[in-house]
Protein backbone atom coordinates (compact mmCIF):
# COMPACT_ATOMS: atom_id res chain seq x y z
CA UNK A 1 0.00 0.00 0.00
CA UNK A 2 1.32 3.40 -1.01
CA UNK A 3 1.08 6.56 1.31
CA UNK A 4 0.89 10.18 0.16
CA UNK A 5 2.07 12.32 3.10
CA UNK A 6 2.13 15.55 1.12
CA UNK A 7 -1.61 15.36 0.38
CA UNK A 8 -2.45 14.73 4.03
CA UNK A 9 -0.41 17.72 5.16
CA UNK A 10 -2.18 20.00 2.68
CA UNK A 11 -5.61 18.93 3.95
CA UNK A 12 -4.58 19.45 7.55
CA UNK A 13 -3.19 22.90 6.82
CA UNK A 14 -6.40 23.99 5.01
CA UNK A 15 -8.57 22.92 7.93
CA UNK A 16 -6.40 24.88 10.33
CA UNK A 17 -6.65 27.99 8.16
CA UNK A 18 -10.44 27.71 8.02
CA UNK A 19 -10.65 27.30 11.78
CA UNK A 20 -8.42 30.40 12.33
CA UNK A 21 -10.58 32.49 9.98
CA UNK A 22 -13.72 31.35 11.75
CA UNK A 23 -12.33 32.25 15.14
CA UNK A 24 -11.33 35.71 13.87
CA UNK A 25 -14.77 36.36 12.43
CA UNK A 26 -16.38 35.40 15.73
CA UNK A 27 -13.99 37.68 17.66
CA UNK A 28 -14.63 40.56 15.27
CA UNK A 29 -18.38 40.09 15.52
CA UNK A 30 -18.25 40.09 19.31
CA UNK A 31 -16.07 43.20 19.30
CA UNK A 32 -18.48 45.03 16.99
CA UNK A 33 -21.41 44.07 19.19
CA UNK A 34 -19.61 45.36 22.29
CA UNK A 35 -18.68 48.65 20.59
CA UNK A 36 -22.23 49.06 19.32
CA UNK A 37 -23.62 48.51 22.79
CA UNK A 38 -21.19 51.01 24.33
CA UNK A 39 -22.05 53.54 21.65
CA UNK A 40 -25.76 53.13 22.31
CA UNK A 41 -25.25 53.55 26.04
CA UNK A 42 -23.13 56.66 25.47
CA UNK A 43 -25.70 58.19 23.11
CA UNK A 44 -28.48 57.44 25.58
CA UNK A 45 -26.51 59.02 28.44
CA UNK A 46 -25.84 62.09 26.30
CA UNK A 47 -29.53 62.45 25.52
CA UNK A 48 -30.39 62.13 29.20
CA UNK A 49 -27.78 64.79 30.03
CA UNK A 50 -29.21 67.16 27.45
CA UNK A 51 -32.72 66.48 28.73
CA UNK A 52 -31.60 67.26 32.29
CA UNK A 53 -30.12 70.61 31.14
CA UNK A 54 -33.15 71.66 29.19
CA UNK A 55 -31.19 71.74 25.91
CA UNK A 56 -32.22 70.54 22.46
CA UNK A 57 -33.11 67.16 23.91
CA UNK A 58 -35.42 68.58 26.56
CA UNK A 59 -39.02 67.62 26.76
CA UNK A 60 -41.07 69.92 24.51
CA UNK A 61 -44.02 69.96 26.89
CA UNK A 62 -42.09 71.68 29.70
CA UNK A 63 -42.58 75.50 29.80
CA UNK A 64 -39.58 77.85 29.82
CA UNK A 65 -39.32 79.90 33.04
CA UNK A 66 -39.15 83.65 32.29
CA UNK A 67 -39.79 87.01 33.88
CA UNK A 68 -42.15 89.44 32.18
CA UNK A 69 -43.09 93.12 32.29
CA UNK A 70 -45.89 95.28 30.93
CA UNK A 71 -45.07 98.35 28.77
CA UNK A 72 -45.92 101.62 30.48
CA UNK A 73 -46.68 105.12 29.24
CA UNK A 74 -44.68 108.08 30.55
CA UNK A 75 -42.99 111.31 29.51
CA UNK A 76 -39.39 110.60 28.55
CA UNK A 77 -36.77 113.37 28.36
CA UNK A 78 -34.35 113.30 25.44
CA UNK A 79 -30.72 114.01 26.30
CA UNK A 80 -27.57 114.63 24.30
CA UNK A 81 -24.48 113.31 26.09
CA UNK A 82 -21.08 115.00 25.92
CA UNK A 83 -17.79 115.41 27.76
CA UNK A 84 -16.90 118.89 28.97
CA UNK A 85 -14.41 120.78 31.06
CA UNK A 86 -15.18 123.04 34.01
CA UNK A 87 -14.03 126.63 33.66
CA UNK A 88 -14.23 129.57 36.00
CA UNK A 89 -16.83 132.11 35.03
CA UNK A 90 -14.26 134.87 35.67
CA UNK A 91 -10.54 134.67 36.42
CA UNK A 92 -8.34 137.67 37.20
CA UNK A 93 -4.66 138.07 38.00
CA UNK A 94 -4.37 140.74 40.70
CA UNK A 95 -1.36 142.93 39.86
CA UNK A 96 0.04 146.03 41.55
CA UNK A 97 -0.53 149.29 39.68
CA UNK A 98 2.43 151.08 41.30
CA UNK A 99 5.94 150.05 42.26
CA UNK A 100 6.96 149.74 45.87
CA UNK A 101 7.67 147.53 48.83
CA UNK A 102 4.96 145.08 49.83
CA UNK A 103 4.51 145.80 53.52
CA UNK A 104 1.38 143.75 54.27
CA UNK A 105 -0.54 140.74 52.89
CA UNK A 106 -4.15 140.58 54.08
CA UNK A 107 -5.34 137.22 52.68
CA UNK A 108 -4.73 133.53 53.22
CA UNK A 109 -4.08 131.19 50.31
CA UNK A 110 -7.32 129.46 49.31
CA UNK A 111 -9.48 132.01 51.09
CA UNK A 112 -12.78 133.25 49.72
CA UNK A 113 -12.52 137.01 49.17
CA UNK A 114 -15.15 139.58 48.29
CA UNK A 115 -15.00 142.38 45.81
CA UNK A 116 -13.34 145.44 47.38
CA UNK A 117 -11.31 143.55 49.99
CA UNK A 118 -7.75 144.84 50.52
CA UNK A 119 -5.44 141.96 49.58
CA UNK A 120 -2.12 143.73 50.11
CA UNK A 121 -0.55 147.08 50.93
CA UNK A 122 2.42 148.81 49.32
CA UNK A 123 4.57 151.36 51.16
CA UNK A 124 2.64 154.68 50.54
CA UNK A 125 5.27 157.19 51.77
CA UNK A 126 6.40 158.43 48.37
CA UNK A 127 2.91 158.60 46.93
CA UNK A 128 1.58 160.35 50.04
CA UNK A 129 4.24 163.02 49.62
CA UNK A 130 3.29 163.55 45.98
CA UNK A 131 -0.32 163.96 46.98
CA UNK A 132 0.54 166.49 49.69
CA UNK A 133 2.66 168.41 47.20
CA UNK A 134 -0.21 168.63 44.74
CA UNK A 135 -2.55 169.84 47.46
CA UNK A 136 -0.07 172.53 48.55
CA UNK A 137 0.43 173.72 44.97
CA UNK A 138 -3.29 174.16 44.57
CA UNK A 139 -3.52 176.18 47.81
CA UNK A 140 -0.75 178.45 46.60
CA UNK A 141 -2.45 179.08 43.28
CA UNK A 142 -5.78 179.70 44.96
CA UNK A 143 -4.22 182.41 47.18
CA UNK A 144 -2.69 184.05 44.13
CA UNK A 145 -6.05 183.91 42.36
CA UNK A 146 -7.74 185.69 45.26
CA UNK A 147 -5.27 188.59 45.02
CA UNK A 148 -5.68 188.78 41.25
CA UNK A 149 -9.45 188.97 41.62
CA UNK A 150 -9.07 191.94 44.01
CA UNK A 151 -6.86 193.72 41.47
CA UNK A 152 -9.41 193.05 38.79
CA UNK A 153 -12.15 194.66 40.90
CA UNK A 154 -10.01 197.79 41.44
CA UNK A 155 -9.14 198.09 37.74
CA UNK A 156 -12.79 197.77 36.81
CA UNK A 157 -13.73 200.64 39.22
CA UNK A 158 -11.00 202.87 37.84
CA UNK A 159 -12.08 202.12 34.30
CA UNK A 160 -15.70 202.96 35.13
CA UNK A 161 -14.74 206.41 36.55
CA UNK A 162 -12.26 206.96 33.73
CA UNK A 163 -9.46 207.07 36.30
CA UNK A 164 -7.76 204.05 34.72
CA UNK A 165 -7.54 202.48 31.30
CA UNK A 166 -9.94 199.78 30.20
CA UNK A 167 -7.05 197.85 28.66
CA UNK A 168 -5.52 197.32 32.06
CA UNK A 169 -8.82 195.99 33.39
CA UNK A 170 -9.17 193.57 30.44
CA UNK A 171 -5.59 192.37 30.92
CA UNK A 172 -6.24 191.69 34.58
CA UNK A 173 -9.38 189.77 33.68
CA UNK A 174 -7.31 187.48 31.42
CA UNK A 175 -4.77 186.94 34.20
CA UNK A 176 -7.55 185.85 36.53
CA UNK A 177 -8.83 183.37 33.95
CA UNK A 178 -5.37 181.92 33.51
CA UNK A 179 -5.03 181.48 37.25
CA UNK A 180 -8.39 179.70 37.46
CA UNK A 181 -7.27 177.31 34.73
CA UNK A 182 -4.06 176.69 36.64
CA UNK A 183 -6.06 175.83 39.73
CA UNK A 184 -8.08 173.34 37.70
CA UNK A 185 -4.80 171.76 36.61
CA UNK A 186 -3.74 171.62 40.23
CA UNK A 187 -6.97 169.80 41.07
CA UNK A 188 -6.29 167.29 38.32
CA UNK A 189 -2.82 166.74 39.75
CA UNK A 190 -4.36 166.18 43.15
CA UNK A 191 -6.80 163.63 41.76
CA UNK A 192 -3.96 161.83 39.99
CA UNK A 193 -1.83 161.78 43.14
CA UNK A 194 -4.82 160.58 45.14
CA UNK A 195 -5.49 157.74 42.69
CA UNK A 196 -1.83 156.75 42.73
CA UNK A 197 -1.88 156.77 46.50
CA UNK A 198 -4.97 154.53 46.51
CA UNK A 199 -3.11 152.04 44.31
CA UNK A 200 -0.83 151.30 47.23
CA UNK A 201 -3.72 149.18 48.51
CA UNK A 202 -4.24 146.17 46.25
CA UNK A 203 -8.03 145.66 45.99
CA UNK A 204 -9.87 142.49 44.95
CA UNK A 205 -11.69 143.32 41.70
CA UNK A 206 -14.26 140.50 42.12
CA UNK A 207 -15.51 137.93 44.57
CA UNK A 208 -14.00 134.48 44.36
CA UNK A 209 -11.41 132.06 45.68
CA UNK A 210 -7.83 133.31 46.14
CA UNK A 211 -5.09 131.07 44.82
CA UNK A 212 -1.50 130.69 45.95
CA UNK A 213 0.42 133.86 46.82
CA UNK A 214 2.94 134.85 44.14
CA UNK A 215 4.85 137.52 46.13
CA UNK A 216 5.82 137.39 49.78
CA UNK A 217 5.67 140.28 52.19
CA UNK A 218 8.77 142.50 52.18
CA UNK A 219 9.56 142.09 48.46
CA UNK A 220 9.51 144.87 45.90
CA UNK A 221 6.42 144.55 43.76
CA UNK A 222 6.16 146.24 40.38
CA UNK A 223 3.31 147.01 38.02
CA UNK A 224 5.21 145.29 35.19
CA UNK A 225 5.35 141.93 37.00
CA UNK A 226 3.58 139.27 34.92
CA UNK A 227 2.76 136.95 37.82
CA UNK A 228 1.05 139.58 39.96
CA UNK A 229 0.21 139.15 43.62
CA UNK A 230 -2.46 136.42 43.41
CA UNK A 231 -5.01 134.89 41.02
CA UNK A 232 -8.70 135.08 41.98
CA UNK A 233 -11.09 132.56 40.45
CA UNK A 234 -14.85 132.93 40.59
CA UNK A 235 -16.38 129.59 41.59
CA UNK A 236 -20.01 130.59 42.18
CA UNK A 237 -21.46 130.50 39.64
CA UNK A 238 -19.18 128.42 37.44
CA UNK A 239 -19.16 127.49 33.75
CA UNK A 240 -18.81 124.21 31.86
CA UNK A 241 -17.76 124.13 28.22
CA UNK A 242 -18.57 121.05 26.13
CA UNK A 243 -18.85 120.05 22.49
CA UNK A 244 -21.52 118.30 20.42
CA UNK A 245 -21.29 116.80 16.92
CA UNK A 246 -22.17 119.14 14.11
CA UNK A 247 -25.11 116.87 13.20
CA UNK A 248 -26.90 118.11 16.35
CA UNK A 249 -26.70 121.82 15.48
CA UNK A 250 -30.23 122.07 14.06
CA UNK A 251 -31.70 120.10 16.94
CA UNK A 252 -30.00 122.22 19.60
CA UNK A 253 -30.88 125.52 17.93
CA UNK A 254 -34.52 124.49 17.56
CA UNK A 255 -34.70 123.53 21.23
CA UNK A 256 -32.90 126.70 22.37
CA UNK A 257 -35.39 128.80 20.42
CA UNK A 258 -38.22 127.49 22.60
CA UNK A 259 -36.62 128.45 25.91
CA UNK A 260 -33.73 127.87 28.26
CA UNK A 261 -32.25 124.36 28.09
CA UNK A 262 -31.32 122.42 31.22
CA UNK A 263 -27.84 120.91 31.49
CA UNK A 264 -26.84 118.24 34.03
CA UNK A 265 -23.35 117.39 35.24
CA UNK A 266 -22.54 113.92 36.59
CA UNK A 267 -20.18 113.04 39.41
CA UNK A 268 -17.22 110.69 39.32
CA UNK A 269 -19.49 107.63 39.28
CA UNK A 270 -21.12 108.77 36.04
CA UNK A 271 -24.61 108.25 37.50
CA UNK A 272 -25.21 110.86 40.19
CA UNK A 273 -26.19 114.36 39.02
CA UNK A 274 -24.10 116.76 41.12
CA UNK A 275 -25.44 120.02 39.67
CA UNK A 276 -27.99 121.34 37.18
CA UNK A 277 -27.59 124.55 35.21
CA UNK A 278 -28.74 126.26 32.04
CA UNK A 279 -27.26 126.63 28.59
CA UNK A 280 -25.86 130.16 28.20
CA UNK A 281 -24.12 130.27 24.87
CA UNK A 282 -23.59 128.47 21.55
CA UNK A 283 -20.46 129.12 19.51
CA UNK A 284 -20.93 130.86 16.15
CA UNK A 285 -18.91 128.35 14.13
CA UNK A 286 -18.01 124.67 13.94
CA UNK A 287 -14.47 123.61 14.72
CA UNK A 288 -13.23 122.30 11.33
CA UNK A 289 -10.57 120.07 12.91
CA UNK A 290 -13.02 118.06 15.02
CA UNK A 291 -16.39 118.74 13.39
CA UNK A 292 -17.91 119.72 16.72
CA UNK A 293 -19.74 122.76 18.06
CA UNK A 294 -18.80 124.35 21.39
CA UNK A 295 -21.46 125.19 23.97
CA UNK A 296 -21.25 126.85 27.36
CA UNK A 297 -23.47 126.27 30.37
CA UNK A 298 -23.60 128.01 33.74
CA UNK A 299 -24.08 126.24 37.09
CA UNK A 300 -24.71 127.66 40.59
CA UNK A 301 -22.13 125.28 42.13
CA UNK A 302 -23.61 125.76 45.60
CA UNK A 303 -21.61 122.90 47.16
CA UNK A 304 -18.34 123.54 45.27
CA UNK A 305 -18.51 120.14 43.60
CA UNK A 306 -17.30 121.59 40.30
CA UNK A 307 -13.71 122.83 40.05
CA UNK A 308 -11.95 124.68 37.22
CA UNK A 309 -9.99 122.35 34.94
CA UNK A 310 -12.07 119.30 35.88
CA UNK A 311 -13.38 116.97 33.14
CA UNK A 312 -17.04 116.00 33.60
CA UNK A 313 -19.80 114.11 31.81
CA UNK A 314 -22.57 116.42 30.62
CA UNK A 315 -26.05 115.82 29.26
CA UNK A 316 -28.17 118.45 27.53
CA UNK A 317 -31.95 118.10 27.59
CA UNK A 318 -33.33 119.07 24.17
CA UNK A 319 -36.94 117.82 24.32
CA UNK A 320 -39.46 115.57 26.09
CA UNK A 321 -41.33 112.70 24.45
CA UNK A 322 -44.85 112.88 25.83
CA UNK A 323 -46.82 109.69 26.56
CA UNK A 324 -44.19 107.39 25.11
CA UNK A 325 -44.34 103.59 25.47
CA UNK A 326 -41.46 102.44 27.64
CA UNK A 327 -40.21 98.90 28.35
CA UNK A 328 -37.14 97.62 30.20
CA UNK A 329 -34.06 97.62 28.01
CA UNK A 330 -33.60 93.89 28.60
CA UNK A 331 -36.90 93.24 26.77
CA UNK A 332 -35.43 94.47 23.47
CA UNK A 333 -33.49 91.79 21.59
CA UNK A 334 -31.52 92.07 18.37
CA UNK A 335 -31.55 89.60 15.54
CA UNK A 336 -30.57 89.41 11.87
CA UNK A 337 -33.77 91.25 10.87
CA UNK A 338 -33.47 94.00 13.51
CA UNK A 339 -34.86 94.58 16.98
CA UNK A 340 -37.68 92.45 18.37
CA UNK A 341 -39.35 91.49 21.64
CA UNK A 342 -40.99 88.31 22.87
CA UNK A 343 -44.67 89.03 23.54
CA UNK A 344 -46.54 86.59 25.78
CA UNK A 345 -50.06 85.77 24.64
CA UNK A 346 -53.08 84.81 26.70
CA UNK A 347 -52.11 81.12 26.40
CA UNK A 348 -48.62 81.84 27.80
CA UNK A 349 -46.98 81.32 24.40
CA UNK A 350 -44.12 83.68 23.50
CA UNK A 351 -44.19 85.24 20.04
CA UNK A 352 -41.37 87.30 18.55
CA UNK A 353 -42.62 90.70 17.33
CA UNK A 354 -40.49 93.33 15.56
CA UNK A 355 -40.27 96.68 17.38
CA UNK A 356 -38.95 100.13 16.51
CA UNK A 357 -36.78 101.70 19.24
CA UNK A 358 -36.58 105.50 19.41
CA UNK A 359 -33.97 105.66 22.16
CA UNK A 360 -32.74 103.57 25.05
CA UNK A 361 -30.40 103.69 28.00
CA UNK A 362 -29.22 101.21 30.61
CA UNK A 363 -32.69 100.84 32.13
CA UNK A 364 -35.48 101.81 29.73
CA UNK A 365 -36.16 101.72 26.00
CA UNK A 366 -38.70 103.89 24.18
CA UNK A 367 -40.77 101.94 21.65
CA UNK A 368 -42.14 103.87 18.70
CA UNK A 369 -43.99 100.96 17.06
CA UNK A 370 -44.68 97.29 17.72
CA UNK A 371 -45.98 97.18 21.31
CA UNK A 372 -48.99 98.37 23.28
CA UNK A 373 -49.61 98.85 26.98
CA UNK A 374 -51.73 95.68 27.06
CA UNK A 375 -48.86 93.41 25.97
CA UNK A 376 -46.57 91.40 28.20
CA UNK A 377 -42.92 91.20 27.15
CA UNK A 378 -40.20 88.83 28.32
CA UNK A 379 -37.38 90.54 30.22
CA UNK A 380 -35.37 87.56 31.51
CA UNK A 381 -35.00 83.93 30.41
CA UNK A 382 -33.94 84.12 26.74
CA UNK A 383 -31.42 81.25 26.89
CA UNK A 384 -33.97 78.49 26.15
CA UNK A 385 -36.67 80.68 24.63
CA UNK A 386 -37.76 80.48 21.01
CA UNK A 387 -40.65 81.75 18.91
CA UNK A 388 -43.82 79.84 19.81
CA UNK A 389 -42.44 78.34 23.03
CA UNK A 390 -44.69 77.97 26.05
CA UNK A 391 -43.44 79.97 29.04
CA UNK A 392 -43.86 79.94 32.79
CA UNK A 393 -43.96 83.48 34.17
CA UNK A 394 -42.20 83.92 37.48
CA UNK A 395 -41.91 86.83 39.87
CA UNK A 396 -38.90 88.85 40.93
CA UNK A 397 -39.18 87.77 44.57
CA UNK A 398 -38.92 84.08 43.59
CA UNK A 399 -36.08 84.48 41.13
CA UNK A 400 -32.92 82.73 42.39
CA UNK A 401 -29.87 84.88 42.95
CA UNK A 402 -26.46 83.97 41.61
CA UNK A 403 -23.49 83.42 43.91
CA UNK A 404 -21.30 86.48 44.28
CA UNK A 405 -18.20 84.30 44.73
CA UNK A 406 -17.40 80.63 43.98
CA UNK A 407 -17.88 78.26 46.86
CA UNK A 408 -14.93 76.51 48.49
CA UNK A 409 -14.59 72.93 47.31
CA UNK A 410 -14.09 70.06 49.74
CA UNK A 411 -11.32 67.68 48.60
CA UNK A 412 -12.25 64.84 50.96
CA UNK A 413 -12.95 61.38 49.43
CA UNK A 414 -16.59 61.54 50.51
CA UNK A 415 -16.99 64.91 48.81
CA UNK A 416 -15.45 63.53 45.61
CA UNK A 417 -17.83 60.58 45.71
CA UNK A 418 -20.78 62.92 46.23
CA UNK A 419 -19.60 65.10 43.35
CA UNK A 420 -19.44 62.06 41.06
CA UNK A 421 -22.90 60.95 42.07
CA UNK A 422 -24.19 64.52 41.56
CA UNK A 423 -22.62 64.68 38.10
CA UNK A 424 -24.25 61.43 37.06
CA UNK A 425 -27.58 62.44 38.55
CA UNK A 426 -27.50 59.43 40.91
CA UNK A 427 -28.34 59.11 44.56
CA UNK A 428 -26.37 60.46 47.48
CA UNK A 429 -25.74 58.93 50.86
CA UNK A 430 -29.22 59.76 52.02
CA UNK A 431 -30.79 57.90 49.10
CA UNK A 432 -32.38 61.00 47.60
CA UNK A 433 -31.85 61.88 43.90
CA UNK A 434 -29.39 64.68 43.31
CA UNK A 435 -28.93 67.02 40.39
CA UNK A 436 -25.84 68.95 39.30
CA UNK A 437 -24.74 71.57 41.78
CA UNK A 438 -25.00 75.20 40.82
CA UNK A 439 -27.54 74.53 38.05
CA UNK A 440 -30.14 76.57 39.88
CA UNK A 441 -27.67 79.46 40.05
CA UNK A 442 -26.92 79.16 36.35
CA UNK A 443 -30.60 79.36 35.56
CA UNK A 444 -31.05 82.26 37.95
CA UNK A 445 -31.18 85.05 35.33
CA UNK A 446 -33.89 83.22 33.34
CA UNK A 447 -36.35 82.88 36.22
CA UNK A 448 -37.21 80.08 38.64
CA UNK A 449 -35.16 76.97 37.84
CA UNK A 450 -36.88 73.57 37.40
CA UNK A 451 -36.19 70.71 39.79
CA UNK A 452 -33.17 69.25 38.05
CA UNK A 453 -32.76 66.51 40.64
CA UNK A 454 -36.15 64.99 39.75
CA UNK A 455 -35.42 65.26 36.05
CA UNK A 456 -32.10 63.49 36.52
CA UNK A 457 -33.69 60.71 38.53
CA UNK A 458 -36.46 60.21 35.96
CA UNK A 459 -33.99 60.12 33.11
CA UNK A 460 -31.98 57.53 34.88
């Protein structure tokens, strides 16, 4: 009998290859089934997580918590905002009008002075002597005039009785006239000397606040000194100069033609009005370098809150919108098609309506078209809100408040275990379902937050 070992080996090898391929197919199939199961579990967990957060996978029958407000009707003032600088209404540099030694200073730096107060005194000896000399010269000429008048009377008597010539009487009359003119000149010299003597007392020309002293007592002060003795600044009232864009010229002129315009100045916080004044002047030309128009307002400055050189925020009231519809600024939203607001219907369904905003600030917005006083608009809770969504209207007193600072985390093992159970929406040590921490705070701005712990437990 003949044996064929090569044929047997080939058959054995083929069987082994088939068995190996079969085993690999089984392993691959099992692996695919395991991966598919893990993928399904992961997708299901993701959907539950989204449902717990109220995202795209949330239940459509749950209403969105929001806060709402009703438009109101009120008179709204229209302001033009600007930045201005405070300037003294009047500023004067007090200078000496005569030269001499400064013998006395009668003010304190930073003191409030009144018009006519003596701020300083210059040595008057020389100027007093000049005045006395002028007075004596006048007395001398007056005595000479009296004698010349007596001679004139005698010459006129002699001329009347033809005992003297008329020419002599006329000549004496001319001499008397010359002497009278000389006396008038003496009086003028006296007045000049008196005025010069009065200049030895440096007088405050206006009421205001005295600055720092420029010359100390005992120094020689001159009329040609540029610095002077002191600078007086008038602080009550005080002026503020500000600029507005040239596009507002017509609006400001039209408002100014109806009456005086009120101007407010804000404090350092930019919110508090520290003083209110009136617009006093509008410049007669636009600055070509900046394209702005300069305006000047006057303020009483009763509490000295405005100081020369200070930069302040200014608002000019140009008109008042009567019976305007006003809503909170948060109720106005902006989209690709413009501004709109969510209006809540009688069935608590929010509908997006386009609105026209005339003006708005940090708190209120004036609506020209799109809303009525009978509407209800959403002010808070836009994160999960969409057109046609059902809403749950909350109240301000029930709205949760956000944490002002992050809470301190506990790094203990028990705390970590609790955090993991909270993240998964499982149960804590007490057996009660727990939601994610801080979710109520995150939902705080949108109104009362739903019970996330119950949602997490149900999803699980």
